[in-house]
Amino acid sequence: MWNYEVSGKQTIVHWFSYRKQDRSRPIIGNRRPPSPLNQIQPDRWLAEYTTELLNLLNILGLLIDLEPQQADLLDRICTSDIISVDQLQDANALATTPSVTASISNPDQTSLF
């Protein structure tokens, strides 16, 4: 659970960083200096932090349990046939105006990216 990442950030480490006593961060580049409001912090570990941490750990545990199913679903999506614009239009699944349809650069595109 400790190593669980979202967008390259360890979730638990990131969560703790917002609840530690010294939350200061170095000024990088041209950024504005930190706001004086950053100095308004509790002087102790709050009871609700414990509740939030337990909720976070529970949610991460559930997400970790779902990873095999999520990986399988993503694999099935990525290996499935791509639905063409024509198929969507034939099924009346697209409610578009002609100007939107004209902006489609390559209707025969075979990949998402």
PDB file of N, CA and C in Angstrom:
ATOM      1  N   MET A   1       0.811  -1.190   0.000  1.00  0.00           N
ATOM      2  CA  MET A   1       0.000   0.000   0.000  1.00  0.00           C
ATOM      3  C   MET A   1       0.862   1.265   0.000  1.00  0.00           C
ATOM      4  N   TRP A   2       1.961   1.207   0.728  1.00  0.00           N
ATOM      5  CA  TRP A   2       2.845   2.363   0.843  1.00  0.00           C
ATOM      6  C   TRP A   2       3.326   2.824  -0.530  1.00  0.00           C
ATOM      7  N   ASN A   3       3.585   1.891  -1.438  1.00  0.00           N
ATOM      8  CA  ASN A   3       4.119   2.219  -2.760  1.00  0.00           C
ATOM      9  C   ASN A   3       3.046   2.549  -3.795  1.00  0.00           C
ATOM     10  N   TYR A   4       1.772   2.553  -3.422  1.00  0.00           N
ATOM     11  CA  TYR A   4       0.697   2.844  -4.372  1.00  0.00           C
ATOM     12  C   TYR A   4       0.866   4.268  -4.893  1.00  0.00           C
ATOM     13  N   GLU A   5       0.843   4.410  -6.217  1.00  0.00           N
ATOM     14  CA  GLU A   5       1.069   5.711  -6.839  1.00  0.00           C
ATOM     15  C   GLU A   5      -0.097   6.123  -7.724  1.00  0.00           C
ATOM     16  N   VAL A   6      -0.323   7.422  -7.769  1.00  0.00           N
ATOM     17  CA  VAL A   6      -1.249   8.032  -8.716  1.00  0.00           C
ATOM     18  C   VAL A   6      -0.490   9.187  -9.355  1.00  0.00           C
ATOM     19  N   SER A   7      -0.398   9.168 -10.660  1.00  0.00           N
ATOM     20  CA  SER A   7       0.330  10.202 -11.413  1.00  0.00           C
ATOM     21  C   SER A   7       1.763  10.355 -10.917  1.00  0.00           C
ATOM     22  N   GLY A   8       2.388   9.238 -10.585  1.00  0.00           N
ATOM     23  CA  GLY A   8       3.786   9.257 -10.178  1.00  0.00           C
ATOM     24  C   GLY A   8       4.037   9.694  -8.743  1.00  0.00           C
ATOM     25  N   LYS A   9       2.992   9.901  -7.967  1.00  0.00           N
ATOM     26  CA  LYS A   9       3.162  10.319  -6.570  1.00  0.00           C
ATOM     27  C   LYS A   9       2.653   9.223  -5.651  1.00  0.00           C
ATOM     28  N   GLN A  10       3.461   8.913  -4.632  1.00  0.00           N
ATOM     29  CA  GLN A  10       3.024   7.938  -3.636  1.00  0.00           C
ATOM     30  C   GLN A  10       1.877   8.552  -2.841  1.00  0.00           C
ATOM     31  N   THR A  11       0.724   7.915  -2.893  1.00  0.00           N
ATOM     32  CA  THR A  11      -0.500   8.468  -2.316  1.00  0.00           C
ATOM     33  C   THR A  11      -0.370   8.731  -0.820  1.00  0.00           C
ATOM     34  N   ILE A  12       0.134   7.765  -0.085  1.00  0.00           N
ATOM     35  CA  ILE A  12       0.209   7.929   1.375  1.00  0.00           C
ATOM     36  C   ILE A  12       1.240   8.988   1.743  1.00  0.00           C
ATOM     37  N   VAL A  13       2.393   8.986   1.085  1.00  0.00           N
ATOM     38  CA  VAL A  13       3.421  10.002   1.352  1.00  0.00           C
ATOM     39  C   VAL A  13       2.853  11.388   1.061  1.00  0.00           C
ATOM     40  N   HIS A  14       2.156  11.520  -0.047  1.00  0.00           N
ATOM     41  CA  HIS A  14       1.557  12.802  -0.424  1.00  0.00           C
ATOM     42  C   HIS A  14       0.507  13.228   0.610  1.00  0.00           C
ATOM     43  N   TRP A  15      -0.314  12.284   1.062  1.00  0.00           N
ATOM     44  CA  TRP A  15      -1.335  12.583   2.064  1.00  0.00           C
ATOM     45  C   TRP A  15      -0.677  13.096   3.346  1.00  0.00           C
ATOM     46  N   PHE A  16       0.379  12.408   3.797  1.00  0.00           N
ATOM     47  CA  PHE A  16       1.072  12.831   5.019  1.00  0.00           C
ATOM     48  C   PHE A  16       1.720  14.204   4.854  1.00  0.00           C
ATOM     49  N   SER A  17       2.214  14.510   3.653  1.00  0.00           N
ATOM     50  CA  SER A  17       2.915  15.782   3.456  1.00  0.00           C
ATOM     51  C   SER A  17       2.006  16.978   3.720  1.00  0.00           C
ATOM     52  N   TYR A  18       0.709  16.801   3.553  1.00  0.00           N
ATOM     53  CA  TYR A  18      -0.232  17.889   3.813  1.00  0.00           C
ATOM     54  C   TYR A  18      -0.682  17.931   5.271  1.00  0.00           C
ATOM     55  N   ARG A  19      -0.225  17.006   6.084  1.00  0.00           N
ATOM     56  CA  ARG A  19      -0.661  16.958   7.475  1.00  0.00           C
ATOM     57  C   ARG A  19       0.494  17.003   8.470  1.00  0.00           C
ATOM     58  N   LYS A  20       1.711  17.146   7.977  1.00  0.00           N
ATOM     59  CA  LYS A  20       2.850  17.210   8.891  1.00  0.00           C
ATOM     60  C   LYS A  20       2.986  18.626   9.454  1.00  0.00           C
ATOM     61  N   GLN A  21       3.760  18.744  10.528  1.00  0.00           N
ATOM     62  CA  GLN A  21       3.869  20.030  11.199  1.00  0.00           C
ATOM     63  C   GLN A  21       4.534  21.073  10.306  1.00  0.00           C
ATOM     64  N   ASP A  22       5.628  20.715   9.642  1.00  0.00           N
ATOM     65  CA  ASP A  22       6.306  21.652   8.747  1.00  0.00           C
ATOM     66  C   ASP A  22       5.900  21.320   7.314  1.00  0.00           C
ATOM     67  N   ARG A  23       5.011  22.120   6.775  1.00  0.00           N
ATOM     68  CA  ARG A  23       4.507  21.876   5.419  1.00  0.00           C
ATOM     69  C   ARG A  23       5.178  22.768   4.388  1.00  0.00           C
ATOM     70  N   SER A  24       6.231  23.459   4.788  1.00  0.00           N
ATOM     71  CA  SER A  24       6.871  24.391   3.863  1.00  0.00           C
ATOM     72  C   SER A  24       7.510  23.642   2.703  1.00  0.00           C
ATOM     73  N   ARG A  25       7.494  24.302   1.578  1.00  0.00           N
ATOM     74  CA  ARG A  25       8.092  23.740   0.368  1.00  0.00           C
ATOM     75  C   ARG A  25       9.078  24.768  -0.179  1.00  0.00           C
ATOM     76  N   PRO A  26      10.142  24.306  -0.791  1.00  0.00           N
ATOM     77  CA  PRO A  26      11.088  25.274  -1.354  1.00  0.00           C
ATOM     78  C   PRO A  26      10.450  26.027  -2.524  1.00  0.00           C
ATOM     79  N   ILE A  27      10.835  27.279  -2.666  1.00  0.00           N
ATOM     80  CA  ILE A  27      10.357  28.062  -3.800  1.00  0.00           C
ATOM     81  C   ILE A  27      11.176  27.647  -5.009  1.00  0.00           C
ATOM     82  N   ILE A  28      10.492  27.250  -6.052  1.00  0.00           N
ATOM     83  CA  ILE A  28      11.167  26.773  -7.252  1.00  0.00           C
ATOM     84  C   ILE A  28      10.911  27.767  -8.375  1.00  0.00           C
ATOM     85  N   GLY A  29      11.985  28.255  -8.966  1.00  0.00           N
ATOM     86  CA  GLY A  29      11.842  29.138 -10.121  1.00  0.00           C
ATOM     87  C   GLY A  29      11.215  30.463  -9.767  1.00  0.00           C
ATOM     88  N   ASN A  30      10.299  30.893 -10.590  1.00  0.00           N
ATOM     89  CA  ASN A  30       9.695  32.214 -10.509  1.00  0.00           C
ATOM     90  C   ASN A  30       8.426  32.270  -9.681  1.00  0.00           C
ATOM     91  N   ARG A  31       8.151  31.234  -8.930  1.00  0.00           N
ATOM     92  CA  ARG A  31       6.885  31.171  -8.197  1.00  0.00           C
ATOM     93  C   ARG A  31       6.784  32.247  -7.128  1.00  0.00           C
ATOM     94  N   ARG A  32       5.537  32.570  -6.807  1.00  0.00           N
ATOM     95  CA  ARG A  32       5.298  33.503  -5.708  1.00  0.00           C
ATOM     96  C   ARG A  32       5.711  32.846  -4.393  1.00  0.00           C
ATOM     97  N   PRO A  33       6.104  33.637  -3.422  1.00  0.00           N
ATOM     98  CA  PRO A  33       6.421  33.051  -2.113  1.00  0.00           C
ATOM     99  C   PRO A  33       5.162  32.467  -1.476  1.00  0.00           C
ATOM    100  N   PRO A  34       5.331  31.522  -0.552  1.00  0.00           N
ATOM    101  CA  PRO A  34       4.164  30.909   0.099  1.00  0.00           C
ATOM    102  C   PRO A  34       3.313  31.951   0.821  1.00  0.00           C
ATOM    103  N   SER A  35       2.044  31.700   0.885  1.00  0.00           N
ATOM    104  CA  SER A  35       1.103  32.591   1.551  1.00  0.00           C
ATOM    105  C   SER A  35       1.265  32.480   3.068  1.00  0.00           C
ATOM    106  N   PRO A  36       1.072  33.575   3.798  1.00  0.00           N
ATOM    107  CA  PRO A  36       1.082  33.511   5.265  1.00  0.00           C
ATOM    108  C   PRO A  36       0.004  32.574   5.809  1.00  0.00           C
ATOM    109  N   LEU A  37      -1.020  32.314   5.006  1.00  0.00           N
ATOM    110  CA  LEU A  37      -2.066  31.388   5.444  1.00  0.00           C
ATOM    111  C   LEU A  37      -1.510  29.983   5.666  1.00  0.00           C
ATOM    112  N   ASN A  38      -0.388  29.673   5.006  1.00  0.00           N
ATOM    113  CA  ASN A  38       0.231  28.357   5.198  1.00  0.00           C
ATOM    114  C   ASN A  38       0.706  28.154   6.636  1.00  0.00           C
ATOM    115  N   GLN A  39       0.882  29.253   7.364  1.00  0.00           N
ATOM    116  CA  GLN A  39       1.352  29.155   8.749  1.00  0.00           C
ATOM    117  C   GLN A  39       0.237  28.755   9.715  1.00  0.00           C
ATOM    118  N   ILE A  40      -1.008  28.844   9.276  1.00  0.00           N
ATOM    119  CA  ILE A  40      -2.142  28.480  10.129  1.00  0.00           C
ATOM    120  C   ILE A  40      -2.327  26.971  10.038  1.00  0.00           C
ATOM    121  N   GLN A  41      -1.817  26.285  11.055  1.00  0.00           N
ATOM    122  CA  GLN A  41      -1.843  24.828  11.075  1.00  0.00           C
ATOM    123  C   GLN A  41      -2.111  24.352  12.495  1.00  0.00           C
ATOM    124  N   PRO A  42      -2.698  23.179  12.620  1.00  0.00           N
ATOM    125  CA  PRO A  42      -2.878  22.630  13.964  1.00  0.00           C
ATOM    126  C   PRO A  42      -1.520  22.313  14.592  1.00  0.00           C
ATOM    127  N   ASP A  43      -1.461  22.389  15.918  1.00  0.00           N
ATOM    128  CA  ASP A  43      -0.196  22.121  16.609  1.00  0.00           C
ATOM    129  C   ASP A  43      -0.061  20.665  17.036  1.00  0.00           C
ATOM    130  N   ARG A  44      -1.013  19.829  16.639  1.00  0.00           N
ATOM    131  CA  ARG A  44      -0.970  18.413  17.011  1.00  0.00           C
ATOM    132  C   ARG A  44      -1.695  17.601  15.942  1.00  0.00           C
ATOM    133  N   TRP A  45      -1.553  16.296  16.052  1.00  0.00           N
ATOM    134  CA  TRP A  45      -2.262  15.372  15.161  1.00  0.00           C
ATOM    135  C   TRP A  45      -3.733  15.404  15.547  1.00  0.00           C
ATOM    136  N   LEU A  46      -4.597  15.724  14.609  1.00  0.00           N
ATOM    137  CA  LEU A  46      -6.026  15.825  14.892  1.00  0.00           C
ATOM    138  C   LEU A  46      -6.701  14.460  14.803  1.00  0.00           C
ATOM    139  N   ALA A  47      -7.751  14.283  15.587  1.00  0.00           N
ATOM    140  CA  ALA A  47      -8.480  13.010  15.584  1.00  0.00           C
ATOM    141  C   ALA A  47      -9.030  12.695  14.197  1.00  0.00           C
ATOM    142  N   GLU A  48      -9.468  13.728  13.481  1.00  0.00           N
ATOM    143  CA  GLU A  48     -10.017  13.453  12.145  1.00  0.00           C
ATOM    144  C   GLU A  48      -8.944  12.979  11.169  1.00  0.00           C
ATOM    145  N   TYR A  49      -7.665  13.303  11.446  1.00  0.00           N
ATOM    146  CA  TYR A  49      -6.585  12.768  10.610  1.00  0.00           C
ATOM    147  C   TYR A  49      -6.558  11.243  10.692  1.00  0.00           C
ATOM    148  N   THR A  50      -6.770  10.722  11.880  1.00  0.00           N
ATOM    149  CA  THR A  50      -6.778   9.262  12.046  1.00  0.00           C
ATOM    150  C   THR A  50      -7.917   8.647  11.242  1.00  0.00           C
ATOM    151  N   THR A  51      -9.093   9.253  11.333  1.00  0.00           N
ATOM    152  CA  THR A  51     -10.238   8.757  10.562  1.00  0.00           C
ATOM    153  C   THR A  51      -9.954   8.839   9.068  1.00  0.00           C
ATOM    154  N   GLU A  52      -9.408   9.967   8.619  1.00  0.00           N
ATOM    155  CA  GLU A  52      -9.078  10.130   7.199  1.00  0.00           C
ATOM    156  C   GLU A  52      -8.037   9.106   6.756  1.00  0.00           C
ATOM    157  N   LEU A  53      -7.026   8.872   7.593  1.00  0.00           N
ATOM    158  CA  LEU A  53      -5.980   7.908   7.248  1.00  0.00           C
ATOM    159  C   LEU A  53      -6.558   6.504   7.128  1.00  0.00           C
ATOM    160  N   LEU A  54      -7.410   6.118   8.067  1.00  0.00           N
ATOM    161  CA  LEU A  54      -8.037   4.796   7.991  1.00  0.00           C
ATOM    162  C   LEU A  54      -8.900   4.668   6.734  1.00  0.00           C
ATOM    163  N   ASN A  55      -9.623   5.735   6.393  1.00  0.00           N
ATOM    164  CA  ASN A  55     -10.424   5.723   5.161  1.00  0.00           C
ATOM    165  C   ASN A  55      -9.530   5.603   3.932  1.00  0.00           C
ATOM    166  N   LEU A  56      -8.435   6.352   3.922  1.00  0.00           N
ATOM    167  CA  LEU A  56      -7.493   6.285   2.803  1.00  0.00           C
ATOM    168  C   LEU A  56      -6.924   4.880   2.648  1.00  0.00           C
ATOM    169  N   LEU A  57      -6.498   4.280   3.759  1.00  0.00           N
ATOM    170  CA  LEU A  57      -5.935   2.929   3.707  1.00  0.00           C
ATOM    171  C   LEU A  57      -6.974   1.920   3.231  1.00  0.00           C
ATOM    172  N   ASN A  58      -8.214   2.078   3.675  1.00  0.00           N
ATOM    173  CA  ASN A  58      -9.286   1.186   3.232  1.00  0.00           C
ATOM    174  C   ASN A  58      -9.515   1.315   1.729  1.00  0.00           C
ATOM    175  N   ILE A  59      -9.590   2.548   1.241  1.00  0.00           N
ATOM    176  CA  ILE A  59      -9.818   2.781  -0.189  1.00  0.00           C
ATOM    177  C   ILE A  59      -8.653   2.242  -1.013  1.00  0.00           C
ATOM    178  N   LEU A  60      -7.423   2.498  -0.571  1.00  0.00           N
ATOM    179  CA  LEU A  60      -6.264   1.980  -1.311  1.00  0.00           C
ATOM    180  C   LEU A  60      -6.279   0.455  -1.344  1.00  0.00           C
ATOM    181  N   GLY A  61      -6.651  -0.158  -0.232  1.00  0.00           N
ATOM    182  CA  GLY A  61      -6.746  -1.617  -0.201  1.00  0.00           C
ATOM    183  C   GLY A  61      -7.764  -2.132  -1.200  1.00  0.00           C
ATOM    184  N   LEU A  62      -8.910  -1.460  -1.280  1.00  0.00           N
ATOM    185  CA  LEU A  62      -9.940  -1.860  -2.246  1.00  0.00           C
ATOM    186  C   LEU A  62      -9.458  -1.668  -3.683  1.00  0.00           C
ATOM    187  N   LEU A  63      -8.760  -0.554  -3.942  1.00  0.00           N
ATOM    188  CA  LEU A  63      -8.231  -0.313  -5.286  1.00  0.00           C
ATOM    189  C   LEU A  63      -7.181  -1.349  -5.671  1.00  0.00           C
ATOM    190  N   ILE A  64      -6.338  -1.704  -4.724  1.00  0.00           N
ATOM    191  CA  ILE A  64      -5.315  -2.723  -4.989  1.00  0.00           C
ATOM    192  C   ILE A  64      -5.978  -4.055  -5.300  1.00  0.00           C
ATOM    193  N   ASP A  65      -7.032  -4.381  -4.560  1.00  0.00           N
ATOM    194  CA  ASP A  65      -7.769  -5.628  -4.827  1.00  0.00           C
ATOM    195  C   ASP A  65      -8.386  -5.630  -6.224  1.00  0.00           C
ATOM    196  N   LEU A  66      -8.750  -4.446  -6.730  1.00  0.00           N
ATOM    197  CA  LEU A  66      -9.381  -4.342  -8.047  1.00  0.00           C
ATOM    198  C   LEU A  66      -8.380  -4.319  -9.206  1.00  0.00           C
ATOM    199  N   GLU A  67      -7.097  -4.152  -8.913  1.00  0.00           N
ATOM    200  CA  GLU A  67      -6.109  -4.004  -9.981  1.00  0.00           C
ATOM    201  C   GLU A  67      -6.147  -5.119 -11.021  1.00  0.00           C
ATOM    202  N   PRO A  68      -6.244  -6.405 -10.634  1.00  0.00           N
ATOM    203  CA  PRO A  68      -6.294  -7.443 -11.674  1.00  0.00           C
ATOM    204  C   PRO A  68      -7.508  -7.291 -12.595  1.00  0.00           C
ATOM    205  N   GLN A  69      -8.656  -6.945 -12.029  1.00  0.00           N
ATOM    206  CA  GLN A  69      -9.859  -6.752 -12.849  1.00  0.00           C
ATOM    207  C   GLN A  69      -9.716  -5.522 -13.745  1.00  0.00           C
ATOM    208  N   GLN A  70      -9.124  -4.460 -13.201  1.00  0.00           N
ATOM    209  CA  GLN A  70      -8.919  -3.254 -13.995  1.00  0.00           C
ATOM    210  C   GLN A  70      -7.948  -3.520 -15.142  1.00  0.00           C
ATOM    211  N   ALA A  71      -6.885  -4.272 -14.866  1.00  0.00           N
ATOM    212  CA  ALA A  71      -5.908  -4.604 -15.908  1.00  0.00           C
ATOM    213  C   ALA A  71      -6.552  -5.448 -16.998  1.00  0.00           C
ATOM    214  N   ASP A  72      -7.389  -6.404 -16.600  1.00  0.00           N
ATOM    215  CA  ASP A  72      -8.078  -7.245 -17.575  1.00  0.00           C
ATOM    216  C   ASP A  72      -9.024  -6.410 -18.439  1.00  0.00           C
ATOM    217  N   LEU A  73      -9.778  -5.518 -17.814  1.00  0.00           N
ATOM    218  CA  LEU A  73     -10.706  -4.669 -18.556  1.00  0.00           C
ATOM    219  C   LEU A  73      -9.953  -3.773 -19.541  1.00  0.00           C
ATOM    220  N   LEU A  74      -8.872  -3.156 -19.082  1.00  0.00           N
ATOM    221  CA  LEU A  74      -8.084  -2.296 -19.964  1.00  0.00           C
ATOM    222  C   LEU A  74      -7.523  -3.093 -21.135  1.00  0.00           C
ATOM    223  N   ASP A  75      -7.040  -4.297 -20.865  1.00  0.00           N
ATOM    224  CA  ASP A  75      -6.506  -5.148 -21.929  1.00  0.00           C
ATOM    225  C   ASP A  75      -7.592  -5.485 -22.948  1.00  0.00           C
ATOM    226  N   ARG A  76      -8.785  -5.822 -22.464  1.00  0.00           N
ATOM    227  CA  ARG A  76      -9.883  -6.148 -23.385  1.00  0.00           C
ATOM    228  C   ARG A  76     -10.295  -4.936 -24.217  1.00  0.00           C
ATOM    229  N   ILE A  77     -10.286  -3.760 -23.602  1.00  0.00           N
ATOM    230  CA  ILE A  77     -10.631  -2.539 -24.334  1.00  0.00           C
ATOM    231  C   ILE A  77      -9.584  -2.251 -25.406  1.00  0.00           C
ATOM    232  N   CYS A  78      -8.314  -2.363 -25.027  1.00  0.00           N
ATOM    233  CA  CYS A  78      -7.230  -2.034 -25.961  1.00  0.00           C
ATOM    234  C   CYS A  78      -7.115  -3.027 -27.110  1.00  0.00           C
ATOM    235  N   THR A  79      -7.531  -4.259 -26.902  1.00  0.00           N
ATOM    236  CA  THR A  79      -7.420  -5.265 -27.962  1.00  0.00           C
ATOM    237  C   THR A  79      -8.716  -5.458 -28.739  1.00  0.00           C
ATOM    238  N   SER A  80      -9.763  -4.756 -28.362  1.00  0.00           N
ATOM    239  CA  SER A  80     -11.048  -4.872 -29.063  1.00  0.00           C
ATOM    240  C   SER A  80     -11.024  -4.075 -30.361  1.00  0.00           C
ATOM    241  N   ASP A  81     -11.989  -4.377 -31.213  1.00  0.00           N
ATOM    242  CA  ASP A  81     -12.138  -3.626 -32.455  1.00  0.00           C
ATOM    243  C   ASP A  81     -12.513  -2.185 -32.138  1.00  0.00           C
ATOM    244  N   ILE A  82     -12.015  -1.288 -32.955  1.00  0.00           N
ATOM    245  CA  ILE A  82     -12.346   0.124 -32.801  1.00  0.00           C
ATOM    246  C   ILE A  82     -13.655   0.396 -33.528  1.00  0.00           C
ATOM    247  N   ILE A  83     -14.531   1.115 -32.877  1.00  0.00           N
ATOM    248  CA  ILE A  83     -15.812   1.478 -33.481  1.00  0.00           C
ATOM    249  C   ILE A  83     -15.578   2.710 -34.347  1.00  0.00           C
ATOM    250  N   SER A  84     -15.986   2.648 -35.583  1.00  0.00           N
ATOM    251  CA  SER A  84     -15.767   3.771 -36.503  1.00  0.00           C
ATOM    252  C   SER A  84     -16.836   4.845 -36.303  1.00  0.00           C
ATOM    253  N   VAL A  85     -16.537   6.021 -36.812  1.00  0.00           N
ATOM    254  CA  VAL A  85     -17.495   7.121 -36.769  1.00  0.00           C
ATOM    255  C   VAL A  85     -18.748   6.732 -37.545  1.00  0.00           C
ATOM    256  N   ASP A  86     -18.561   6.061 -38.685  1.00  0.00           N
ATOM    257  CA  ASP A  86     -19.719   5.636 -39.483  1.00  0.00           C
ATOM    258  C   ASP A  86     -20.627   4.705 -38.685  1.00  0.00           C
ATOM    259  N   GLN A  87     -20.031   3.767 -37.944  1.00  0.00           N
ATOM    260  CA  GLN A  87     -20.838   2.845 -37.135  1.00  0.00           C
ATOM    261  C   GLN A  87     -21.613   3.604 -36.063  1.00  0.00           C
ATOM    262  N   LEU A  88     -20.969   4.571 -35.443  1.00  0.00           N
ATOM    263  CA  LEU A  88     -21.644   5.367 -34.416  1.00  0.00           C
ATOM    264  C   LEU A  88     -22.772   6.194 -35.026  1.00  0.00           C
ATOM    265  N   GLN A  89     -22.517   6.765 -36.193  1.00  0.00           N
ATOM    266  CA  GLN A  89     -23.561   7.554 -36.853  1.00  0.00           C
ATOM    267  C   GLN A  89     -24.723   6.661 -37.280  1.00  0.00           C
ATOM    268  N   ASP A  90     -24.410   5.471 -37.809  1.00  0.00           N
ATOM    269  CA  ASP A  90     -25.467   4.538 -38.217  1.00  0.00           C
ATOM    270  C   ASP A  90     -26.339   4.126 -37.034  1.00  0.00           C
ATOM    271  N   ALA A  91     -25.742   4.064 -35.858  1.00  0.00           N
ATOM    272  CA  ALA A  91     -26.481   3.681 -34.653  1.00  0.00           C
ATOM    273  C   ALA A  91     -27.115   4.893 -33.972  1.00  0.00           C
ATOM    274  N   ASN A  92     -26.993   6.070 -34.612  1.00  0.00           N
ATOM    275  CA  ASN A  92     -27.495   7.327 -34.035  1.00  0.00           C
ATOM    276  C   ASN A  92     -26.923   7.590 -32.646  1.00  0.00           C
ATOM    277  N   ALA A  93     -25.673   7.221 -32.468  1.00  0.00           N
ATOM    278  CA  ALA A  93     -25.015   7.424 -31.180  1.00  0.00           C
ATOM    279  C   ALA A  93     -24.318   8.776 -31.107  1.00  0.00           C
ATOM    280  N   LEU A  94     -24.216   9.464 -32.236  1.00  0.00           N
ATOM    281  CA  LEU A  94     -23.577  10.777 -32.260  1.00  0.00           C
ATOM    282  C   LEU A  94     -24.611  11.837 -32.588  1.00  0.00           C
ATOM    283  N   ALA A  95     -24.758  12.772 -31.706  1.00  0.00           N
ATOM    284  CA  ALA A  95     -25.642  13.902 -31.964  1.00  0.00           C
ATOM    285  C   ALA A  95     -24.748  15.092 -32.277  1.00  0.00           C
ATOM    286  N   THR A  96     -24.290  15.169 -33.520  1.00  0.00           N
ATOM    287  CA  THR A  96     -23.353  16.224 -33.882  1.00  0.00           C
ATOM    288  C   THR A  96     -23.924  17.092 -34.986  1.00  0.00           C
ATOM    289  N   THR A  97     -23.385  18.294 -35.033  1.00  0.00           N
ATOM    290  CA  THR A  97     -23.729  19.204 -36.116  1.00  0.00           C
ATOM    291  C   THR A  97     -22.758  18.968 -37.264  1.00  0.00           C
ATOM    292  N   PRO A  98     -23.099  19.387 -38.455  1.00  0.00           N
ATOM    293  CA  PRO A  98     -22.174  19.201 -39.584  1.00  0.00           C
ATOM    294  C   PRO A  98     -20.810  19.843 -39.352  1.00  0.00           C
ATOM    295  N   SER A  99     -20.753  20.976 -38.637  1.00  0.00           N
ATOM    296  CA  SER A  99     -19.461  21.630 -38.402  1.00  0.00           C
ATOM    297  C   SER A  99     -18.556  20.775 -37.526  1.00  0.00           C
ATOM    298  N   VAL A 100     -19.125  20.080 -36.552  1.00  0.00           N
ATOM    299  CA  VAL A 100     -18.324  19.194 -35.705  1.00  0.00           C
ATOM    300  C   VAL A 100     -17.839  18.009 -36.521  1.00  0.00           C
ATOM    301  N   THR A 101     -18.711  17.445 -37.317  1.00  0.00           N
ATOM    302  CA  THR A 101     -18.344  16.304 -38.144  1.00  0.00           C
ATOM    303  C   THR A 101     -17.240  16.686 -39.117  1.00  0.00           C
ATOM    304  N   ALA A 102     -17.291  17.895 -39.658  1.00  0.00           N
ATOM    305  CA  ALA A 102     -16.278  18.349 -40.613  1.00  0.00           C
ATOM    306  C   ALA A 102     -14.922  18.523 -39.952  1.00  0.00           C
ATOM    307  N   SER A 103     -14.899  18.739 -38.637  1.00  0.00           N
ATOM    308  CA  SER A 103     -13.623  18.958 -37.953  1.00  0.00           C
ATOM    309  C   SER A 103     -12.882  17.663 -37.640  1.00  0.00           C
ATOM    310  N   ILE A 104     -13.490  16.524 -37.906  1.00  0.00           N
ATOM    311  CA  ILE A 104     -12.807  15.251 -37.675  1.00  0.00           C
ATOM    312  C   ILE A 104     -11.712  15.125 -38.718  1.00  0.00           C
ATOM    313  N   SER A 105     -10.460  15.084 -38.248  1.00  0.00           N
ATOM    314  CA  SER A 105      -9.341  15.126 -39.182  1.00  0.00           C
ATOM    315  C   SER A 105      -9.144  13.820 -39.933  1.00  0.00           C
ATOM    316  N   ASN A 106      -9.317  12.696 -39.256  1.00  0.00           N
ATOM    317  CA  ASN A 106      -9.075  11.409 -39.899  1.00  0.00           C
ATOM    318  C   ASN A 106     -10.074  10.397 -39.363  1.00  0.00           C
ATOM    319  N   PRO A 107     -11.209  10.229 -40.019  1.00  0.00           N
ATOM    320  CA  PRO A 107     -12.221   9.304 -39.501  1.00  0.00           C
ATOM    321  C   PRO A 107     -11.781   7.842 -39.535  1.00  0.00           C
ATOM    322  N   ASP A 108     -10.709   7.545 -40.267  1.00  0.00           N
ATOM    323  CA  ASP A 108     -10.218   6.167 -40.347  1.00  0.00           C
ATOM    324  C   ASP A 108      -9.088   5.895 -39.361  1.00  0.00           C
ATOM    325  N   GLN A 109      -8.894   6.791 -38.407  1.00  0.00           N
ATOM    326  CA  GLN A 109      -7.834   6.614 -37.420  1.00  0.00           C
ATOM    327  C   GLN A 109      -8.034   5.295 -36.695  1.00  0.00           C
ATOM    328  N   THR A 110      -6.949   4.545 -36.520  1.00  0.00           N
ATOM    329  CA  THR A 110      -7.063   3.212 -35.922  1.00  0.00           C
ATOM    330  C   THR A 110      -6.518   3.137 -34.511  1.00  0.00           C
ATOM    331  N   SER A 111      -6.081   4.258 -33.943  1.00  0.00           N
ATOM    332  CA  SER A 111      -5.612   4.232 -32.561  1.00  0.00           C
ATOM    333  C   SER A 111      -6.161   5.446 -31.825  1.00  0.00           C
ATOM    334  N   LEU A 112      -6.124   5.368 -30.512  1.00  0.00           N
ATOM    335  CA  LEU A 112      -6.646   6.474 -29.711  1.00  0.00           C
ATOM    336  C   LEU A 112      -5.703   7.661 -29.681  1.00  0.00           C
ATOM    337  N   PHE A 113      -4.393   7.395 -29.786  1.00  0.00           N
ATOM    338  CA  PHE A 113      -3.414   8.468 -29.604  1.00  0.00           C
ATOM    339  C   PHE A 113      -2.503   8.604 -30.793  1.00  0.00           C
TER     340      PHE A 113
END
